Amino acid sequence: VVTIGGHHVSRDREEVRRLIGYMPDFFGIYEELKVEEYLTFFA
């Protein structure tokens, strides 16, 4: 069992995802976008 902030990672996935920011070792970026556009999209 894994919990983050009291939420069960497997059962309460949406609640956990609101709590976390995950940066993998290799992450995809939209190279054709501008920096501001990229962050605006994710916001």
PDB file of all heavy atoms in Angstrom:
ATOM      1  N   VAL A   1       0.843  -1.186   0.000  1.00  0.00           N
ATOM      2  CA  VAL A   1       0.000   0.000   0.000  1.00  0.00           C
ATOM      3  C   VAL A   1       0.884   1.243   0.000  1.00  0.00           C
ATOM      4  O   VAL A   1       1.885   1.310   0.711  1.00  0.00           O
ATOM      5  CB  VAL A   1      -0.921   0.020   1.237  1.00  0.00           C
ATOM      6  CG1 VAL A   1      -1.700   1.327   1.318  1.00  0.00           C
ATOM      7  CG2 VAL A   1      -1.871  -1.170   1.212  1.00  0.00           C
ATOM      8  N   VAL A   2       0.495   2.234  -0.799  1.00  0.00           N
ATOM      9  CA  VAL A   2       1.190   3.520  -0.833  1.00  0.00           C
ATOM     10  C   VAL A   2       0.166   4.619  -0.602  1.00  0.00           C
ATOM     11  O   VAL A   2      -0.911   4.609  -1.202  1.00  0.00           O
ATOM     12  CB  VAL A   2       1.878   3.755  -2.197  1.00  0.00           C
ATOM     13  CG1 VAL A   2       2.644   5.079  -2.178  1.00  0.00           C
ATOM     14  CG2 VAL A   2       2.812   2.612  -2.543  1.00  0.00           C
ATOM     15  N   THR A   3       0.486   5.565   0.278  1.00  0.00           N
ATOM     16  CA  THR A   3      -0.386   6.728   0.490  1.00  0.00           C
ATOM     17  C   THR A   3       0.436   8.001   0.366  1.00  0.00           C
ATOM     18  O   THR A   3       1.606   8.049   0.736  1.00  0.00           O
ATOM     19  CB  THR A   3      -1.064   6.708   1.871  1.00  0.00           C
ATOM     20  OG1 THR A   3      -0.075   6.761   2.902  1.00  0.00           O
ATOM     21  CG2 THR A   3      -1.899   5.454   2.050  1.00  0.00           C
ATOM     22  N   ILE A   4      -0.196   9.038  -0.172  1.00  0.00           N
ATOM     23  CA  ILE A   4       0.395  10.377  -0.234  1.00  0.00           C
ATOM     24  C   ILE A   4      -0.622  11.349   0.323  1.00  0.00           C
ATOM     25  O   ILE A   4      -1.753  11.424  -0.167  1.00  0.00           O
ATOM     26  CB  ILE A   4       0.780  10.759  -1.681  1.00  0.00           C
ATOM     27  CG1 ILE A   4       1.853   9.818  -2.226  1.00  0.00           C
ATOM     28  CG2 ILE A   4       1.263  12.207  -1.732  1.00  0.00           C
ATOM     29  CD1 ILE A   4       2.278  10.131  -3.655  1.00  0.00           C
ATOM     30  N   GLY A   5      -0.242  12.061   1.370  1.00  0.00           N
ATOM     31  CA  GLY A   5      -1.174  13.000   1.999  1.00  0.00           C
ATOM     32  C   GLY A   5      -2.424  12.328   2.516  1.00  0.00           C
ATOM     33  O   GLY A   5      -3.496  12.938   2.519  1.00  0.00           O
ATOM     34  N   GLY A   6      -2.309  11.068   2.906  1.00  0.00           N
ATOM     35  CA  GLY A   6      -3.458  10.330   3.422  1.00  0.00           C
ATOM     36  C   GLY A   6      -4.312   9.679   2.359  1.00  0.00           C
ATOM     37  O   GLY A   6      -5.288   8.989   2.687  1.00  0.00           O
ATOM     38  N   HIS A   7      -3.983   9.854   1.086  1.00  0.00           N
ATOM     39  CA  HIS A   7      -4.759   9.276  -0.009  1.00  0.00           C
ATOM     40  C   HIS A   7      -4.081   8.017  -0.547  1.00  0.00           C
ATOM     41  O   HIS A   7      -2.875   8.012  -0.798  1.00  0.00           O
ATOM     42  CB  HIS A   7      -4.928  10.284  -1.148  1.00  0.00           C
ATOM     43  CG  HIS A   7      -5.680  11.515  -0.769  1.00  0.00           C
ATOM     44  ND1 HIS A   7      -7.041  11.520  -0.557  1.00  0.00           N
ATOM     45  CD2 HIS A   7      -5.264  12.789  -0.540  1.00  0.00           C
ATOM     46  CE1 HIS A   7      -7.442  12.732  -0.232  1.00  0.00           C
ATOM     47  NE2 HIS A   7      -6.374  13.527  -0.220  1.00  0.00           N
ATOM     48  N   HIS A   8      -4.860   6.985  -0.746  1.00  0.00           N
ATOM     49  CA  HIS A   8      -4.389   5.708  -1.286  1.00  0.00           C
ATOM     50  C   HIS A   8      -4.060   5.897  -2.773  1.00  0.00           C
ATOM     51  O   HIS A   8      -4.917   6.275  -3.570  1.00  0.00           O
ATOM     52  CB  HIS A   8      -5.490   4.657  -1.101  1.00  0.00           C
ATOM     53  CG  HIS A   8      -5.060   3.256  -1.359  1.00  0.00           C
ATOM     54  ND1 HIS A   8      -4.708   2.796  -2.609  1.00  0.00           N
ATOM     55  CD2 HIS A   8      -4.926   2.192  -0.518  1.00  0.00           C
ATOM     56  CE1 HIS A   8      -4.387   1.524  -2.537  1.00  0.00           C
ATOM     57  NE2 HIS A   8      -4.504   1.127  -1.283  1.00  0.00           N
ATOM     58  N   VAL A   9      -2.812   5.634  -3.152  1.00  0.00           N
ATOM     59  CA  VAL A   9      -2.356   5.942  -4.504  1.00  0.00           C
ATOM     60  C   VAL A   9      -3.118   5.161  -5.568  1.00  0.00           C
ATOM     61  O   VAL A   9      -3.413   5.685  -6.650  1.00  0.00           O
ATOM     62  CB  VAL A   9      -0.833   5.711  -4.623  1.00  0.00           C
ATOM     63  CG1 VAL A   9      -0.388   5.691  -6.076  1.00  0.00           C
ATOM     64  CG2 VAL A   9      -0.077   6.789  -3.873  1.00  0.00           C
ATOM     65  N   SER A  10      -3.455   3.917  -5.301  1.00  0.00           N
ATOM     66  CA  SER A  10      -4.153   3.109  -6.307  1.00  0.00           C
ATOM     67  C   SER A  10      -5.644   3.399  -6.369  1.00  0.00           C
ATOM     68  O   SER A  10      -6.247   3.393  -7.448  1.00  0.00           O
ATOM     69  CB  SER A  10      -3.925   1.616  -6.022  1.00  0.00           C
ATOM     70  OG  SER A  10      -2.551   1.298  -6.128  1.00  0.00           O
ATOM     71  N   ARG A  11      -6.279   3.675  -5.222  1.00  0.00           N
ATOM     72  CA  ARG A  11      -7.736   3.886  -5.178  1.00  0.00           C
ATOM     73  C   ARG A  11      -8.132   5.341  -5.427  1.00  0.00           C
ATOM     74  O   ARG A  11      -9.164   5.616  -6.015  1.00  0.00           O
ATOM     75  CB  ARG A  11      -8.300   3.435  -3.829  1.00  0.00           C
ATOM     76  CG  ARG A  11      -8.297   1.936  -3.613  1.00  0.00           C
ATOM     77  CD  ARG A  11      -9.297   1.571  -2.518  1.00  0.00           C
ATOM     78  NE  ARG A  11      -9.059   2.319  -1.288  1.00  0.00           N
ATOM     79  CZ  ARG A  11      -8.420   1.835  -0.227  1.00  0.00           C
ATOM     80  NH1 ARG A  11      -7.955   0.594  -0.243  1.00  0.00           N
ATOM     81  NH2 ARG A  11      -8.247   2.572   0.850  1.00  0.00           N
ATOM     82  N   ASP A  12      -7.304   6.270  -4.929  1.00  0.00           N
ATOM     83  CA  ASP A  12      -7.658   7.700  -4.981  1.00  0.00           C
ATOM     84  C   ASP A  12      -6.741   8.443  -5.944  1.00  0.00           C
ATOM     85  O   ASP A  12      -6.134   9.454  -5.605  1.00  0.00           O
ATOM     86  CB  ASP A  12      -7.551   8.327  -3.573  1.00  0.00           C
ATOM     87  CG  ASP A  12      -8.300   7.530  -2.523  1.00  0.00           C
ATOM     88  OD1 ASP A  12      -9.363   6.988  -2.855  1.00  0.00           O
ATOM     89  OD2 ASP A  12      -7.815   7.462  -1.376  1.00  0.00           O
ATOM     90  N   ARG A  13      -6.666   7.937  -7.165  1.00  0.00           N
ATOM     91  CA  ARG A  13      -5.668   8.452  -8.099  1.00  0.00           C
ATOM     92  C   ARG A  13      -5.880   9.930  -8.418  1.00  0.00           C
ATOM     93  O   ARG A  13      -4.923  10.700  -8.521  1.00  0.00           O
ATOM     94  CB  ARG A  13      -5.669   7.622  -9.388  1.00  0.00           C
ATOM     95  CG  ARG A  13      -5.287   6.165  -9.145  1.00  0.00           C
ATOM     96  CD  ARG A  13      -5.478   5.308 -10.374  1.00  0.00           C
ATOM     97  NE  ARG A  13      -4.451   5.579 -11.368  1.00  0.00           N
ATOM     98  CZ  ARG A  13      -4.423   4.990 -12.563  1.00  0.00           C
ATOM     99  NH1 ARG A  13      -5.365   4.132 -12.898  1.00  0.00           N
ATOM    100  NH2 ARG A  13      -3.456   5.256 -13.412  1.00  0.00           N
ATOM    101  N   GLU A  14      -7.117  10.374  -8.594  1.00  0.00           N
ATOM    102  CA  GLU A  14      -7.363  11.774  -8.948  1.00  0.00           C
ATOM    103  C   GLU A  14      -6.964  12.703  -7.802  1.00  0.00           C
ATOM    104  O   GLU A  14      -6.380  13.768  -8.033  1.00  0.00           O
ATOM    105  CB  GLU A  14      -8.830  11.979  -9.323  1.00  0.00           C
ATOM    106  CG  GLU A  14      -9.239  11.253 -10.604  1.00  0.00           C
ATOM    107  CD  GLU A  14      -8.327  11.596 -11.771  1.00  0.00           C
ATOM    108  OE1 GLU A  14      -8.040  12.806 -11.980  1.00  0.00           O
ATOM    109  OE2 GLU A  14      -7.889  10.670 -12.477  1.00  0.00           O
ATOM    110  N   GLU A  15      -7.286  12.299  -6.562  1.00  0.00           N
ATOM    111  CA  GLU A  15      -6.899  13.125  -5.409  1.00  0.00           C
ATOM    112  C   GLU A  15      -5.379  13.212  -5.295  1.00  0.00           C
ATOM    113  O   GLU A  15      -4.823  14.282  -5.014  1.00  0.00           O
ATOM    114  CB  GLU A  15      -7.484  12.542  -4.114  1.00  0.00           C
ATOM    115  CG  GLU A  15      -8.983  12.720  -3.955  1.00  0.00           C
ATOM    116  CD  GLU A  15      -9.777  11.649  -4.707  1.00  0.00           C
ATOM    117  OE1 GLU A  15      -9.167  10.834  -5.411  1.00  0.00           O
ATOM    118  OE2 GLU A  15     -11.015  11.657  -4.585  1.00  0.00           O
ATOM    119  N   VAL A  16      -4.701  12.079  -5.537  1.00  0.00           N
ATOM    120  CA  VAL A  16      -3.244  12.072  -5.461  1.00  0.00           C
ATOM    121  C   VAL A  16      -2.646  12.963  -6.541  1.00  0.00           C
ATOM    122  O   VAL A  16      -1.698  13.729  -6.299  1.00  0.00           O
ATOM    123  CB  VAL A  16      -2.699  10.629  -5.587  1.00  0.00           C
ATOM    124  CG1 VAL A  16      -1.179  10.628  -5.776  1.00  0.00           C
ATOM    125  CG2 VAL A  16      -3.069   9.817  -4.352  1.00  0.00           C
ATOM    126  N   ARG A  17      -3.197  12.901  -7.744  1.00  0.00           N
ATOM    127  CA  ARG A  17      -2.642  13.687  -8.854  1.00  0.00           C
ATOM    128  C   ARG A  17      -2.789  15.184  -8.627  1.00  0.00           C
ATOM    129  O   ARG A  17      -2.025  15.978  -9.185  1.00  0.00           O
ATOM    130  CB  ARG A  17      -3.311  13.266 -10.164  1.00  0.00           C
ATOM    131  CG  ARG A  17      -2.856  11.898 -10.630  1.00  0.00           C
ATOM    132  CD  ARG A  17      -3.616  11.413 -11.841  1.00  0.00           C
ATOM    133  NE  ARG A  17      -3.132  10.082 -12.246  1.00  0.00           N
ATOM    134  CZ  ARG A  17      -3.667   9.366 -13.224  1.00  0.00           C
ATOM    135  NH1 ARG A  17      -4.707   9.843 -13.889  1.00  0.00           N
ATOM    136  NH2 ARG A  17      -3.176   8.183 -13.528  1.00  0.00           N
ATOM    137  N   ARG A  18      -3.775  15.597  -7.829  1.00  0.00           N
ATOM    138  CA  ARG A  18      -3.883  17.015  -7.486  1.00  0.00           C
ATOM    139  C   ARG A  18      -2.776  17.448  -6.530  1.00  0.00           C
ATOM    140  O   ARG A  18      -2.419  18.627  -6.481  1.00  0.00           O
ATOM    141  CB  ARG A  18      -5.251  17.310  -6.847  1.00  0.00           C
ATOM    142  CG  ARG A  18      -6.428  17.153  -7.805  1.00  0.00           C
ATOM    143  CD  ARG A  18      -7.725  17.625  -7.184  1.00  0.00           C
ATOM    144  NE  ARG A  18      -8.848  17.358  -8.073  1.00  0.00           N
ATOM    145  CZ  ARG A  18      -9.671  16.310  -7.951  1.00  0.00           C
ATOM    146  NH1 ARG A  18      -9.496  15.446  -6.964  1.00  0.00           N
ATOM    147  NH2 ARG A  18     -10.669  16.142  -8.793  1.00  0.00           N
ATOM    148  N   LEU A  19      -2.255  16.486  -5.786  1.00  0.00           N
ATOM    149  CA  LEU A  19      -1.228  16.796  -4.788  1.00  0.00           C
ATOM    150  C   LEU A  19       0.188  16.780  -5.348  1.00  0.00           C
ATOM    151  O   LEU A  19       1.081  17.392  -4.775  1.00  0.00           O
ATOM    152  CB  LEU A  19      -1.289  15.777  -3.639  1.00  0.00           C
ATOM    153  CG  LEU A  19      -2.479  15.812  -2.700  1.00  0.00           C
ATOM    154  CD1 LEU A  19      -2.389  14.654  -1.713  1.00  0.00           C
ATOM    155  CD2 LEU A  19      -2.505  17.139  -1.950  1.00  0.00           C
ATOM    156  N   ILE A  20       0.411  16.064  -6.446  1.00  0.00           N
ATOM    157  CA  ILE A  20       1.776  15.797  -6.895  1.00  0.00           C
ATOM    158  C   ILE A  20       2.115  16.528  -8.195  1.00  0.00           C
ATOM    159  O   ILE A  20       1.249  16.865  -8.990  1.00  0.00           O
ATOM    160  CB  ILE A  20       2.027  14.282  -7.099  1.00  0.00           C
ATOM    161  CG1 ILE A  20       1.172  13.740  -8.257  1.00  0.00           C
ATOM    162  CG2 ILE A  20       1.791  13.516  -5.812  1.00  0.00           C
ATOM    163  CD1 ILE A  20       1.508  12.311  -8.653  1.00  0.00           C
ATOM    164  N   GLY A  21       3.412  16.758  -8.361  1.00  0.00           N
ATOM    165  CA  GLY A  21       3.969  17.179  -9.647  1.00  0.00           C
ATOM    166  C   GLY A  21       5.045  16.180 -10.010  1.00  0.00           C
ATOM    167  O   GLY A  21       5.990  15.971  -9.237  1.00  0.00           O
ATOM    168  N   TYR A  22       4.901  15.518 -11.151  1.00  0.00           N
ATOM    169  CA  TYR A  22       5.804  14.426 -11.553  1.00  0.00           C
ATOM    170  C   TYR A  22       6.612  14.845 -12.772  1.00  0.00           C
ATOM    171  O   TYR A  22       6.055  15.210 -13.811  1.00  0.00           O
ATOM    172  CB  TYR A  22       4.985  13.172 -11.853  1.00  0.00           C
ATOM    173  CG  TYR A  22       5.741  12.068 -12.571  1.00  0.00           C
ATOM    174  CD1 TYR A  22       6.943  11.580 -12.078  1.00  0.00           C
ATOM    175  CD2 TYR A  22       5.228  11.515 -13.737  1.00  0.00           C
ATOM    176  CE1 TYR A  22       7.639  10.571 -12.739  1.00  0.00           C
ATOM    177  CE2 TYR A  22       5.905  10.496 -14.408  1.00  0.00           C
ATOM    178  CZ  TYR A  22       7.109  10.031 -13.898  1.00  0.00           C
ATOM    179  OH  TYR A  22       7.779   9.033 -14.562  1.00  0.00           O
ATOM    180  N   MET A  23       7.933  14.766 -12.638  1.00  0.00           N
ATOM    181  CA  MET A  23       8.827  15.067 -13.748  1.00  0.00           C
ATOM    182  C   MET A  23       9.665  13.823 -14.031  1.00  0.00           C
ATOM    183  O   MET A  23      10.568  13.488 -13.268  1.00  0.00           O
ATOM    184  CB  MET A  23       9.734  16.243 -13.391  1.00  0.00           C
ATOM    185  CG  MET A  23      10.669  16.670 -14.509  1.00  0.00           C
ATOM    186  SD  MET A  23      11.585  18.154 -14.017  1.00  0.00           S
ATOM    187  CE  MET A  23      12.752  18.267 -15.361  1.00  0.00           C
ATOM    188  N   PRO A  24       9.374  13.098 -15.121  1.00  0.00           N
ATOM    189  CA  PRO A  24      10.128  11.879 -15.430  1.00  0.00           C
ATOM    190  C   PRO A  24      11.532  12.201 -15.918  1.00  0.00           C
ATOM    191  O   PRO A  24      11.855  13.366 -16.207  1.00  0.00           O
ATOM    192  CB  PRO A  24       9.291  11.228 -16.537  1.00  0.00           C
ATOM    193  CG  PRO A  24       8.555  12.351 -17.173  1.00  0.00           C
ATOM    194  CD  PRO A  24       8.309  13.366 -16.094  1.00  0.00           C
ATOM    195  N   ASP A  25      12.363  11.160 -16.003  1.00  0.00           N
ATOM    196  CA  ASP A  25      13.739  11.391 -16.451  1.00  0.00           C
ATOM    197  C   ASP A  25      13.786  11.840 -17.903  1.00  0.00           C
ATOM    198  O   ASP A  25      14.637  12.636 -18.286  1.00  0.00           O
ATOM    199  CB  ASP A  25      14.601  10.137 -16.232  1.00  0.00           C
ATOM    200  CG  ASP A  25      13.943   8.869 -16.755  1.00  0.00           C
ATOM    201  OD1 ASP A  25      12.784   8.926 -17.177  1.00  0.00           O
ATOM    202  OD2 ASP A  25      14.604   7.815 -16.735  1.00  0.00           O
ATOM    203  N   PHE A  26      12.866  11.339 -18.740  1.00  0.00           N
ATOM    204  CA  PHE A  26      12.740  11.827 -20.110  1.00  0.00           C
ATOM    205  C   PHE A  26      11.304  12.293 -20.304  1.00  0.00           C
ATOM    206  O   PHE A  26      10.379  11.494 -20.248  1.00  0.00           O
ATOM    207  CB  PHE A  26      13.071  10.717 -21.121  1.00  0.00           C
ATOM    208  CG  PHE A  26      14.494  10.252 -21.038  1.00  0.00           C
ATOM    209  CD1 PHE A  26      14.813   9.071 -20.390  1.00  0.00           C
ATOM    210  CD2 PHE A  26      15.509  11.003 -21.610  1.00  0.00           C
ATOM    211  CE1 PHE A  26      16.130   8.640 -20.301  1.00  0.00           C
ATOM    212  CE2 PHE A  26      16.824  10.581 -21.531  1.00  0.00           C
ATOM    213  CZ  PHE A  26      17.146   9.399 -20.878  1.00  0.00           C
ATOM    214  N   PHE A  27      11.119  13.596 -20.477  1.00  0.00           N
ATOM    215  CA  PHE A  27       9.764  14.128 -20.601  1.00  0.00           C
ATOM    216  C   PHE A  27       9.579  14.740 -21.985  1.00  0.00           C
ATOM    217  O   PHE A  27      10.501  15.283 -22.584  1.00  0.00           O
ATOM    218  CB  PHE A  27       9.483  15.177 -19.521  1.00  0.00           C
ATOM    219  CG  PHE A  27      10.415  16.357 -19.532  1.00  0.00           C
ATOM    220  CD1 PHE A  27      10.102  17.496 -20.253  1.00  0.00           C
ATOM    221  CD2 PHE A  27      11.609  16.312 -18.833  1.00  0.00           C
ATOM    222  CE1 PHE A  27      10.967  18.574 -20.274  1.00  0.00           C
ATOM    223  CE2 PHE A  27      12.484  17.387 -18.853  1.00  0.00           C
ATOM    224  CZ  PHE A  27      12.169  18.518 -19.576  1.00  0.00           C
ATOM    225  N   GLY A  28       8.364  14.609 -22.500  1.00  0.00           N
ATOM    226  CA  GLY A  28       8.070  15.148 -23.814  1.00  0.00           C
ATOM    227  C   GLY A  28       7.752  16.634 -23.744  1.00  0.00           C
ATOM    228  O   GLY A  28       7.111  17.100 -22.805  1.00  0.00           O
ATOM    229  N   ILE A  29       8.220  17.389 -24.721  1.00  0.00           N
ATOM    230  CA  ILE A  29       7.866  18.803 -24.811  1.00  0.00           C
ATOM    231  C   ILE A  29       7.378  19.086 -26.228  1.00  0.00           C
ATOM    232  O   ILE A  29       7.781  18.420 -27.178  1.00  0.00           O
ATOM    233  CB  ILE A  29       9.057  19.722 -24.464  1.00  0.00           C
ATOM    234  CG1 ILE A  29      10.281  19.352 -25.308  1.00  0.00           C
ATOM    235  CG2 ILE A  29       9.378  19.693 -22.988  1.00  0.00           C
ATOM    236  CD1 ILE A  29      11.441  20.289 -25.111  1.00  0.00           C
ATOM    237  N   TYR A  30       6.499  20.063 -26.339  1.00  0.00           N
ATOM    238  CA  TYR A  30       5.983  20.454 -27.650  1.00  0.00           C
ATOM    239  C   TYR A  30       6.914  21.522 -28.214  1.00  0.00           C
ATOM    240  O   TYR A  30       6.745  22.718 -27.970  1.00  0.00           O
ATOM    241  CB  TYR A  30       4.549  20.977 -27.513  1.00  0.00           C
ATOM    242  CG  TYR A  30       3.621  19.981 -26.877  1.00  0.00           C
ATOM    243  CD1 TYR A  30       2.904  20.281 -25.724  1.00  0.00           C
ATOM    244  CD2 TYR A  30       3.468  18.705 -27.428  1.00  0.00           C
ATOM    245  CE1 TYR A  30       2.049  19.355 -25.140  1.00  0.00           C
ATOM    246  CE2 TYR A  30       2.613  17.770 -26.855  1.00  0.00           C
ATOM    247  CZ  TYR A  30       1.918  18.106 -25.708  1.00  0.00           C
ATOM    248  OH  TYR A  30       1.079  17.184 -25.131  1.00  0.00           O
ATOM    249  N   GLU A  31       7.904  21.087 -28.986  1.00  0.00           N
ATOM    250  CA  GLU A  31       8.999  21.971 -29.390  1.00  0.00           C
ATOM    251  C   GLU A  31       8.548  23.126 -30.269  1.00  0.00           C
ATOM    252  O   GLU A  31       9.221  24.150 -30.344  1.00  0.00           O
ATOM    253  CB  GLU A  31      10.078  21.166 -30.115  1.00  0.00           C
ATOM    254  CG  GLU A  31      10.796  20.177 -29.214  1.00  0.00           C
ATOM    255  CD  GLU A  31      11.972  19.523 -29.911  1.00  0.00           C
ATOM    256  OE1 GLU A  31      11.993  19.526 -31.159  1.00  0.00           O
ATOM    257  OE2 GLU A  31      12.862  19.019 -29.213  1.00  0.00           O
ATOM    258  N   GLU A  32       7.410  22.975 -30.939  1.00  0.00           N
ATOM    259  CA  GLU A  32       6.960  24.039 -31.852  1.00  0.00           C
ATOM    260  C   GLU A  32       6.249  25.166 -31.110  1.00  0.00           C
ATOM    261  O   GLU A  32       6.016  26.241 -31.678  1.00  0.00           O
ATOM    262  CB  GLU A  32       6.038  23.462 -32.931  1.00  0.00           C
ATOM    263  CG  GLU A  32       4.661  23.023 -32.453  1.00  0.00           C
ATOM    264  CD  GLU A  32       4.652  21.638 -31.808  1.00  0.00           C
ATOM    265  OE1 GLU A  32       5.752  21.064 -31.621  1.00  0.00           O
ATOM    266  OE2 GLU A  32       3.553  21.152 -31.497  1.00  0.00           O
ATOM    267  N   LEU A  33       5.892  24.948 -29.851  1.00  0.00           N
ATOM    268  CA  LEU A  33       5.226  25.989 -29.065  1.00  0.00           C
ATOM    269  C   LEU A  33       6.243  26.972 -28.495  1.00  0.00           C
ATOM    270  O   LEU A  33       7.415  26.656 -28.332  1.00  0.00           O
ATOM    271  CB  LEU A  33       4.437  25.374 -27.906  1.00  0.00           C
ATOM    272  CG  LEU A  33       3.201  24.540 -28.234  1.00  0.00           C
ATOM    273  CD1 LEU A  33       2.551  24.060 -26.945  1.00  0.00           C
ATOM    274  CD2 LEU A  33       2.213  25.334 -29.069  1.00  0.00           C
ATOM    275  N   LYS A  34       5.736  28.159 -28.142  1.00  0.00           N
ATOM    276  CA  LYS A  34       6.547  29.103 -27.388  1.00  0.00           C
ATOM    277  C   LYS A  34       6.434  28.767 -25.896  1.00  0.00           C
ATOM    278  O   LYS A  34       5.490  28.110 -25.457  1.00  0.00           O
ATOM    279  CB  LYS A  34       6.091  30.535 -27.655  1.00  0.00           C
ATOM    280  CG  LYS A  34       6.310  30.965 -29.102  1.00  0.00           C
ATOM    281  CD  LYS A  34       5.792  32.375 -29.349  1.00  0.00           C
ATOM    282  CE  LYS A  34       6.005  32.776 -30.811  1.00  0.00           C
ATOM    283  NZ  LYS A  34       5.478  34.128 -31.097  1.00  0.00           N
ATOM    284  N   VAL A  35       7.405  29.240 -25.132  1.00  0.00           N
ATOM    285  CA  VAL A  35       7.468  28.920 -23.702  1.00  0.00           C
ATOM    286  C   VAL A  35       6.168  29.303 -22.999  1.00  0.00           C
ATOM    287  O   VAL A  35       5.585  28.511 -22.243  1.00  0.00           O
ATOM    288  CB  VAL A  35       8.675  29.643 -23.056  1.00  0.00           C
ATOM    289  CG1 VAL A  35       8.597  29.581 -21.539  1.00  0.00           C
ATOM    290  CG2 VAL A  35       9.987  29.038 -23.546  1.00  0.00           C
ATOM    291  N   GLU A  36       5.693  30.512 -23.222  1.00  0.00           N
ATOM    292  CA  GLU A  36       4.471  30.979 -22.566  1.00  0.00           C
ATOM    293  C   GLU A  36       3.262  30.159 -22.998  1.00  0.00           C
ATOM    294  O   GLU A  36       2.391  29.823 -22.171  1.00  0.00           O
ATOM    295  CB  GLU A  36       4.262  32.456 -22.903  1.00  0.00           C
ATOM    296  CG  GLU A  36       3.134  33.113 -22.132  1.00  0.00           C
ATOM    297  CD  GLU A  36       3.086  34.608 -22.397  1.00  0.00           C
ATOM    298  OE1 GLU A  36       3.374  35.011 -23.548  1.00  0.00           O
ATOM    299  OE2 GLU A  36       2.772  35.356 -21.462  1.00  0.00           O
ATOM    300  N   GLU A  37       3.187  29.806 -24.274  1.00  0.00           N
ATOM    301  CA  GLU A  37       2.077  28.991 -24.774  1.00  0.00           C
ATOM    302  C   GLU A  37       2.067  27.617 -24.105  1.00  0.00           C
ATOM    303  O   GLU A  37       0.998  27.073 -23.780  1.00  0.00           O
ATOM    304  CB  GLU A  37       2.198  28.819 -26.292  1.00  0.00           C
ATOM    305  CG  GLU A  37       1.973  30.094 -27.082  1.00  0.00           C
ATOM    306  CD  GLU A  37       2.282  29.928 -28.563  1.00  0.00           C
ATOM    307  OE1 GLU A  37       3.045  28.997 -28.919  1.00  0.00           O
ATOM    308  OE2 GLU A  37       1.765  30.719 -29.361  1.00  0.00           O
ATOM    309  N   TYR A  38       3.235  27.057 -23.922  1.00  0.00           N
ATOM    310  CA  TYR A  38       3.364  25.725 -23.322  1.00  0.00           C
ATOM    311  C   TYR A  38       2.787  25.712 -21.902  1.00  0.00           C
ATOM    312  O   TYR A  38       1.978  24.836 -21.548  1.00  0.00           O
ATOM    313  CB  TYR A  38       4.845  25.350 -23.318  1.00  0.00           C
ATOM    314  CG  TYR A  38       5.197  24.014 -22.726  1.00  0.00           C
ATOM    315  CD1 TYR A  38       5.012  22.837 -23.442  1.00  0.00           C
ATOM    316  CD2 TYR A  38       5.775  23.923 -21.461  1.00  0.00           C
ATOM    317  CE1 TYR A  38       5.379  21.607 -22.909  1.00  0.00           C
ATOM    318  CE2 TYR A  38       6.139  22.697 -20.924  1.00  0.00           C
ATOM    319  CZ  TYR A  38       5.944  21.546 -21.651  1.00  0.00           C
ATOM    320  OH  TYR A  38       6.306  20.330 -21.117  1.00  0.00           O
ATOM    321  N   LEU A  39       3.180  26.698 -21.101  1.00  0.00           N
ATOM    322  CA  LEU A  39       2.692  26.741 -19.721  1.00  0.00           C
ATOM    323  C   LEU A  39       1.211  27.114 -19.669  1.00  0.00           C
ATOM    324  O   LEU A  39       0.468  26.603 -18.818  1.00  0.00           O
ATOM    325  CB  LEU A  39       3.524  27.734 -18.909  1.00  0.00           C
ATOM    326  CG  LEU A  39       4.990  27.343 -18.692  1.00  0.00           C
ATOM    327  CD1 LEU A  39       5.712  28.414 -17.878  1.00  0.00           C
ATOM    328  CD2 LEU A  39       5.101  25.992 -17.994  1.00  0.00           C
ATOM    329  N   THR A  40       0.781  27.979 -20.578  1.00  0.00           N
ATOM    330  CA  THR A  40      -0.640  28.348 -20.632  1.00  0.00           C
ATOM    331  C   THR A  40      -1.505  27.133 -20.952  1.00  0.00           C
ATOM    332  O   THR A  40      -2.580  26.937 -20.374  1.00  0.00           O
ATOM    333  CB  THR A  40      -0.860  29.450 -21.679  1.00  0.00           C
ATOM    334  OG1 THR A  40      -0.112  30.610 -21.307  1.00  0.00           O
ATOM    335  CG2 THR A  40      -2.334  29.811 -21.777  1.00  0.00           C
ATOM    336  N   PHE A  41      -1.030  26.294 -21.858  1.00  0.00           N
ATOM    337  CA  PHE A  41      -1.764  25.076 -22.212  1.00  0.00           C
ATOM    338  C   PHE A  41      -1.945  24.174 -20.994  1.00  0.00           C
ATOM    339  O   PHE A  41      -3.055  23.709 -20.712  1.00  0.00           O
ATOM    340  CB  PHE A  41      -1.029  24.323 -23.319  1.00  0.00           C
ATOM    341  CG  PHE A  41      -1.546  22.929 -23.550  1.00  0.00           C
ATOM    342  CD1 PHE A  41      -2.761  22.711 -24.176  1.00  0.00           C
ATOM    343  CD2 PHE A  41      -0.817  21.824 -23.114  1.00  0.00           C
ATOM    344  CE1 PHE A  41      -3.245  21.424 -24.372  1.00  0.00           C
ATOM    345  CE2 PHE A  41      -1.290  20.536 -23.309  1.00  0.00           C
ATOM    346  CZ  PHE A  41      -2.507  20.334 -23.933  1.00  0.00           C
ATOM    347  N   PHE A  42      -0.865  23.939 -20.247  1.00  0.00           N
ATOM    348  CA  PHE A  42      -0.979  23.041 -19.097  1.00  0.00           C
ATOM    349  C   PHE A  42      -1.795  23.659 -17.968  1.00  0.00           C
ATOM    350  O   PHE A  42      -2.497  22.947 -17.237  1.00  0.00           O
ATOM    351  CB  PHE A  42       0.415  22.619 -18.618  1.00  0.00           C
ATOM    352  CG  PHE A  42       0.998  21.507 -19.434  1.00  0.00           C
ATOM    353  CD1 PHE A  42       1.927  21.763 -20.431  1.00  0.00           C
ATOM    354  CD2 PHE A  42       0.601  20.192 -19.232  1.00  0.00           C
ATOM    355  CE1 PHE A  42       2.447  20.733 -21.204  1.00  0.00           C
ATOM    356  CE2 PHE A  42       1.110  19.157 -19.985  1.00  0.00           C
ATOM    357  CZ  PHE A  42       2.033  19.429 -20.985  1.00  0.00           C
ATOM    358  N   ALA A  43      -1.727  24.980 -17.811  1.00  0.00           N
ATOM    359  CA  ALA A  43      -2.589  25.629 -16.827  1.00  0.00           C
ATOM    360  C   ALA A  43      -4.059  25.426 -17.194  1.00  0.00           C
ATOM    361  O   ALA A  43      -4.906  25.181 -16.329  1.00  0.00           O
ATOM    362  CB  ALA A  43      -2.256  27.114 -16.738  1.00  0.00           C
TER     363      ALA A  43
END
